[in-house]
Amino acid sequence: MLIMAFLDTLTSSIHRPPNERSARSMFVFTTTIYCILIIFAAVAGGTTAALFSLGHRPMQTLLSFTGGVMLGVGLLNLVPHAFYELDERIDITMAWMLAGFFVMFLLERAFHGHSHHGHSEQDNPVTTLSSEDDHAGCTHHSHASTDTRRGTSTGRWAWCGAFTGLALHSLADGAAIAASVQADTENGVIFLAGAATFAAVILHKPFDSLSIATLMVSAGWNAKSRQIVTYVYALTVPLGLIFFQASLGFLGDRSGDVLGAAMALAGGAFVC
């Protein structure tokens, strides 16, 4: 969280008076770079599923770090920016934040959360966890409930649920990046616009992609099929960014409120 506070202070302090053309150019340049890096991260995560396993403890350490980054971004970056964009209306800001929290909570429950298991030496990457290993409450990176004896997580199409849930979340991630970069560039930020939100997204994207690919390896899908699904998933963040930014063009004077609502929603989703 301290890292996110530092990034937010850095990006806010390096600015100049906004110019419409320069702000637009900076938005396009920044989001293009971010999307390329996110696609690379997602593809890298998906292609490592059949190569090696980090093990439970290293994976949990990385996920804990990522969770801290997302918590910091949500509370220290997105929500304060949303408060500003919504004309400093704290009730509206918190209402949208809670909406984002509960939507993400329900989404994770509907699609049984995220599965971040390593690939075992027996070519059975999805392992059964004991009750002590399960996460309680709403966590962004919770382990999926698995039971190989019943075939609930190793079925041929078990990965589809994870893919659907994570793809929907990635679309929201793209909208969050677009909203953050848009808000920063409009306020004259010329360096690292939306960097905190980008950092939160790119840090957890390899693990999400790894989850999908691991389930596909367990179900016996070949490398080509896994590659196709990985590439499709990698494109969901750019698609979410494009759709959100395109929608702002039709809103006119209401775009500021939508921008604030989107950032508050994303803040709530990141906290969950």
Protein backbone atom coordinates (compact mmCIF):
# COMPACT_ATOMS: atom_id res chain seq x y z
CA MET A 1 0.00 0.00 0.00
CA LEU A 2 2.93 2.34 0.70
CA ILE A 3 4.25 1.61 -2.80
CA MET A 4 0.87 2.56 -4.28
CA ALA A 5 0.79 5.77 -2.25
CA PHE A 6 4.25 6.65 -3.57
CA LEU A 7 3.23 5.94 -7.17
CA ASP A 8 0.08 8.02 -6.79
CA THR A 9 2.05 10.94 -5.34
CA LEU A 10 4.65 10.67 -8.10
CA THR A 11 2.13 10.66 -10.93
CA SER A 12 0.14 13.51 -9.40
CA SER A 13 3.17 15.73 -8.91
CA ILE A 14 4.52 15.44 -12.47
CA HIS A 15 1.95 17.35 -14.50
CA ARG A 16 1.35 20.30 -16.74
CA PRO A 17 -1.76 22.27 -17.71
CA PRO A 18 -3.92 19.92 -19.80
CA ASN A 19 -4.23 20.43 -23.52
CA GLU A 20 -6.93 18.47 -25.34
CA ARG A 21 -4.73 17.26 -28.17
CA SER A 22 -1.73 16.41 -25.99
CA ALA A 23 -3.97 14.70 -23.45
CA ARG A 24 -5.53 12.57 -26.18
CA SER A 25 -2.14 11.66 -27.63
CA MET A 26 -0.79 10.77 -24.20
CA PHE A 27 -3.85 8.63 -23.48
CA VAL A 28 -3.45 6.65 -26.70
CA PHE A 29 0.29 6.21 -26.23
CA THR A 30 0.04 5.20 -22.56
CA THR A 31 -2.84 2.76 -22.96
CA THR A 32 -1.20 1.15 -25.99
CA ILE A 33 1.98 0.47 -24.00
CA TYR A 34 -0.05 -0.82 -21.06
CA CYS A 35 -2.10 -3.16 -23.25
CA ILE A 36 0.98 -4.61 -24.94
CA LEU A 37 2.60 -5.33 -21.58
CA ILE A 38 -0.59 -6.86 -20.16
CA ILE A 39 -1.00 -9.12 -23.20
CA PHE A 40 2.60 -10.25 -22.81
CA ALA A 41 2.08 -10.95 -19.09
CA ALA A 42 -1.10 -12.96 -19.69
CA VAL A 43 0.48 -15.02 -22.47
CA ALA A 44 3.57 -15.65 -20.35
CA GLY A 45 1.41 -16.90 -17.48
CA GLY A 46 -0.59 -19.21 -19.70
CA THR A 47 2.40 -20.75 -21.44
CA THR A 48 4.15 -21.69 -18.18
CA ALA A 49 1.33 -23.98 -16.99
CA ALA A 50 2.84 -27.10 -18.57
CA LEU A 51 6.47 -26.18 -17.88
CA PHE A 52 7.01 -25.83 -14.14
CA SER A 53 5.36 -25.31 -10.76
CA LEU A 54 6.15 -22.57 -8.25
CA GLY A 55 4.87 -24.63 -5.37
CA HIS A 56 2.22 -23.68 -2.83
CA ARG A 57 4.23 -21.39 -0.54
CA PRO A 58 5.93 -19.27 -3.26
CA MET A 59 2.60 -18.95 -5.07
CA GLN A 60 0.87 -17.77 -1.90
CA THR A 61 3.64 -15.26 -1.25
CA LEU A 62 3.27 -13.77 -4.72
CA LEU A 63 -0.52 -13.72 -4.44
CA SER A 64 -0.33 -12.00 -1.05
CA PHE A 65 1.92 -9.32 -2.52
CA THR A 66 -0.45 -8.87 -5.46
CA GLY A 67 -3.42 -8.66 -3.09
CA GLY A 68 -1.69 -5.91 -1.14
CA VAL A 69 -1.02 -3.96 -4.31
CA MET A 70 -4.65 -4.25 -5.39
CA LEU A 71 -5.88 -3.18 -1.95
CA GLY A 72 -3.61 -0.15 -2.05
CA VAL A 73 -4.67 0.81 -5.56
CA GLY A 74 -8.35 0.47 -4.69
CA LEU A 75 -8.26 2.50 -1.47
CA LEU A 76 -5.45 4.97 -2.14
CA ASN A 77 -5.81 5.61 -5.85
CA LEU A 78 -9.12 4.69 -7.46
CA VAL A 79 -11.55 5.69 -4.71
CA PRO A 80 -9.97 9.14 -4.06
CA HIS A 81 -9.92 9.84 -7.80
CA ALA A 82 -13.56 8.73 -8.07
CA PHE A 83 -14.45 11.07 -5.19
CA TYR A 84 -12.92 13.96 -7.12
CA GLU A 85 -14.60 13.03 -10.43
CA LEU A 86 -18.00 12.72 -8.70
CA ASP A 87 -17.81 16.33 -7.46
CA GLU A 88 -16.66 15.24 -3.98
CA ARG A 89 -19.93 13.44 -3.19
CA ILE A 90 -18.81 10.85 -0.66
CA ASP A 91 -22.18 9.07 -0.49
CA ILE A 92 -22.28 8.47 -4.25
CA THR A 93 -18.62 7.44 -4.28
CA MET A 94 -19.05 4.86 -1.53
CA ALA A 95 -22.27 3.55 -3.05
CA TRP A 96 -20.48 2.79 -6.32
CA MET A 97 -17.53 1.30 -4.43
CA LEU A 98 -19.81 -1.06 -2.50
CA ALA A 99 -21.54 -1.98 -5.74
CA GLY A 100 -18.19 -2.95 -7.24
CA PHE A 101 -17.32 -4.96 -4.14
CA PHE A 102 -20.54 -6.98 -4.16
CA VAL A 103 -20.53 -7.51 -7.93
CA MET A 104 -17.03 -8.97 -7.70
CA PHE A 105 -18.02 -11.04 -4.66
CA LEU A 106 -20.99 -12.54 -6.51
CA LEU A 107 -18.95 -13.04 -9.68
CA GLU A 108 -16.29 -15.01 -7.83
CA ARG A 109 -18.89 -17.13 -6.07
CA ALA A 110 -20.76 -17.78 -9.31
CA PHE A 111 -17.64 -19.05 -11.04
CA HIS A 112 -16.06 -20.66 -7.94
CA GLY A 113 -13.23 -18.18 -7.55
CA HIS A 114 -9.73 -18.40 -8.97
CA SER A 115 -7.59 -21.50 -9.01
CA HIS A 116 -3.87 -20.87 -8.68
CA HIS A 117 -2.39 -24.32 -8.35
CA GLY A 118 0.97 -25.29 -9.66
CA HIS A 119 1.58 -28.03 -12.16
CA SER A 120 2.60 -31.19 -10.39
CA GLU A 121 5.19 -33.68 -11.49
CA GLN A 122 2.47 -36.24 -12.10
CA ASP A 123 0.95 -34.02 -14.77
CA ASN A 124 -2.01 -33.31 -12.52
CA PRO A 125 -1.75 -29.60 -11.88
CA VAL A 126 -5.00 -29.23 -10.00
CA THR A 127 -4.55 -30.53 -6.46
CA THR A 128 -7.00 -30.93 -3.61
CA LEU A 129 -6.55 -28.52 -0.72
CA SER A 130 -7.31 -29.26 2.89
CA SER A 131 -9.68 -27.06 4.85
CA GLU A 132 -6.72 -25.30 6.47
CA ASP A 133 -5.49 -24.14 3.06
CA ASP A 134 -8.79 -22.63 1.96
CA HIS A 135 -9.21 -18.86 2.13
CA ALA A 136 -12.12 -17.51 4.06
CA GLY A 137 -14.21 -14.52 3.07
CA CYS A 138 -13.95 -12.48 -0.08
CA THR A 139 -10.46 -12.70 -1.57
CA HIS A 140 -9.54 -11.70 -5.05
CA HIS A 141 -7.30 -14.73 -5.48
CA SER A 142 -9.05 -17.56 -3.68
CA HIS A 143 -8.43 -21.17 -4.52
CA ALA A 144 -11.13 -22.90 -6.48
CA SER A 145 -12.79 -25.81 -4.73
CA THR A 146 -11.39 -28.95 -6.27
CA ASP A 147 -12.17 -32.61 -5.87
CA THR A 148 -10.47 -34.82 -8.38
CA ARG A 149 -12.35 -37.89 -7.16
CA ARG A 150 -15.66 -36.36 -8.15
CA GLY A 151 -14.27 -34.79 -11.33
CA THR A 152 -15.68 -31.37 -10.52
CA SER A 153 -12.47 -29.55 -11.42
CA THR A 154 -10.87 -31.98 -13.83
CA GLY A 155 -13.76 -32.37 -16.26
CA ARG A 156 -13.20 -31.69 -19.91
CA TRP A 157 -14.90 -28.29 -19.76
CA ALA A 158 -14.16 -27.31 -16.15
CA TRP A 159 -11.93 -24.46 -17.33
CA CYS A 160 -14.85 -22.68 -19.02
CA GLY A 161 -16.23 -21.40 -15.72
CA ALA A 162 -12.87 -19.97 -14.72
CA PHE A 163 -12.39 -18.45 -18.16
CA THR A 164 -15.82 -16.78 -18.14
CA GLY A 165 -15.41 -15.28 -14.69
CA LEU A 166 -11.85 -14.10 -15.29
CA ALA A 167 -12.72 -12.71 -18.73
CA LEU A 168 -15.54 -10.62 -17.27
CA HIS A 169 -13.19 -9.39 -14.60
CA SER A 170 -10.56 -8.55 -17.22
CA LEU A 171 -13.07 -6.47 -19.15
CA ALA A 172 -13.62 -4.50 -15.93
CA ASP A 173 -9.84 -4.22 -15.51
CA GLY A 174 -9.61 -2.67 -18.96
CA ALA A 175 -12.30 -0.15 -18.07
CA ALA A 176 -10.46 0.66 -14.83
CA ILE A 177 -7.22 1.34 -16.70
CA ALA A 178 -9.01 3.52 -19.24
CA ALA A 179 -10.72 5.50 -16.48
CA SER A 180 -7.49 5.98 -14.53
CA VAL A 181 -5.41 7.05 -17.50
CA GLN A 182 -8.21 9.32 -18.74
CA ALA A 183 -8.52 11.03 -15.36
CA ASP A 184 -4.76 11.52 -15.04
CA THR A 185 -4.23 12.85 -18.56
CA GLU A 186 -7.15 15.27 -18.23
CA ASN A 187 -5.48 16.61 -15.08
CA GLY A 188 -2.22 17.18 -16.93
CA VAL A 189 -0.21 14.14 -15.81
CA ILE A 190 2.52 13.52 -18.39
CA PHE A 191 4.37 10.62 -16.78
CA LEU A 192 3.04 7.26 -15.59
CA ALA A 193 -0.62 8.18 -16.04
CA GLY A 194 -2.75 5.46 -14.44
CA ALA A 195 0.40 3.60 -13.36
CA ALA A 196 -1.00 2.34 -10.05
CA THR A 197 -4.04 0.72 -11.67
CA PHE A 198 -1.87 -0.72 -14.41
CA ALA A 199 0.49 -2.22 -11.82
CA ALA A 200 -2.38 -3.93 -10.01
CA VAL A 201 -3.75 -5.41 -13.23
CA ILE A 202 -0.48 -6.63 -14.72
CA LEU A 203 0.64 -8.24 -11.45
CA HIS A 204 -2.34 -10.56 -11.18
CA LYS A 205 -2.88 -11.21 -14.88
CA PRO A 206 -0.22 -13.98 -15.20
CA PHE A 207 -1.78 -15.88 -12.28
CA ASP A 208 -5.26 -15.66 -13.80
CA SER A 209 -3.99 -16.90 -17.15
CA LEU A 210 -2.06 -19.65 -15.38
CA SER A 211 -5.27 -20.76 -13.64
CA ILE A 212 -7.10 -21.29 -16.92
CA ALA A 213 -4.20 -23.06 -18.60
CA THR A 214 -3.64 -25.30 -15.57
CA LEU A 215 -7.25 -26.47 -15.64
CA MET A 216 -6.91 -27.19 -19.36
CA VAL A 217 -3.72 -29.19 -18.80
CA SER A 218 -5.49 -31.21 -16.12
CA ALA A 219 -8.40 -31.87 -18.48
CA GLY A 220 -6.09 -33.12 -21.23
CA TRP A 221 -6.34 -30.26 -23.72
CA ASN A 222 -3.46 -30.04 -26.16
CA ALA A 223 -0.95 -27.21 -26.34
CA LYS A 224 -2.55 -25.58 -29.39
CA SER A 225 -5.96 -25.34 -27.71
CA ARG A 226 -4.42 -23.89 -24.57
CA GLN A 227 -2.52 -21.37 -26.66
CA ILE A 228 -5.67 -20.18 -28.43
CA VAL A 229 -7.58 -19.75 -25.16
CA THR A 230 -4.61 -17.94 -23.60
CA TYR A 231 -4.43 -15.48 -26.49
CA VAL A 232 -8.18 -14.85 -26.37
CA TYR A 233 -8.01 -14.21 -22.64
CA ALA A 234 -5.01 -11.90 -23.07
CA LEU A 235 -7.10 -9.67 -25.36
CA THR A 236 -9.95 -9.13 -22.88
CA VAL A 237 -8.27 -6.24 -21.05
CA PRO A 238 -7.66 -4.24 -24.26
CA LEU A 239 -11.25 -4.97 -25.33
CA GLY A 240 -12.61 -3.68 -22.02
CA LEU A 241 -10.48 -0.57 -22.36
CA ILE A 242 -11.67 0.10 -25.92
CA PHE A 243 -15.36 -0.49 -25.12
CA PHE A 244 -15.26 1.80 -22.09
CA GLN A 245 -13.42 4.58 -23.87
CA ALA A 246 -15.75 4.37 -26.86
CA SER A 247 -18.78 4.65 -24.57
CA LEU A 248 -17.47 7.90 -23.08
CA GLY A 249 -17.72 9.57 -26.49
CA PHE A 250 -21.51 9.18 -26.47
CA LEU A 251 -22.04 10.63 -22.99
CA GLY A 252 -21.02 14.24 -23.48
CA ASP A 253 -21.30 16.21 -20.24
CA ARG A 254 -22.10 13.04 -18.31
CA SER A 255 -18.70 11.50 -19.03
CA GLY A 256 -17.22 12.86 -15.79
CA ASP A 257 -19.85 11.13 -13.67
CA VAL A 258 -19.40 7.88 -15.59
CA LEU A 259 -15.63 8.14 -15.19
CA GLY A 260 -15.99 8.59 -11.44
CA ALA A 261 -18.50 5.76 -11.14
CA ALA A 262 -16.22 3.44 -13.11
CA MET A 263 -13.25 4.24 -10.88
CA ALA A 264 -15.29 3.71 -7.71
CA LEU A 265 -16.62 0.40 -9.07
CA ALA A 266 -13.09 -0.70 -9.90
CA GLY A 267 -11.92 0.38 -6.46
CA GLY A 268 -14.53 -1.82 -4.82
CA ALA A 269 -13.65 -4.74 -7.08
CA PHE A 270 -9.95 -4.37 -6.26
CA VAL A 271 -10.68 -4.36 -2.52
CA CYS A 272 -12.72 -7.57 -2.76
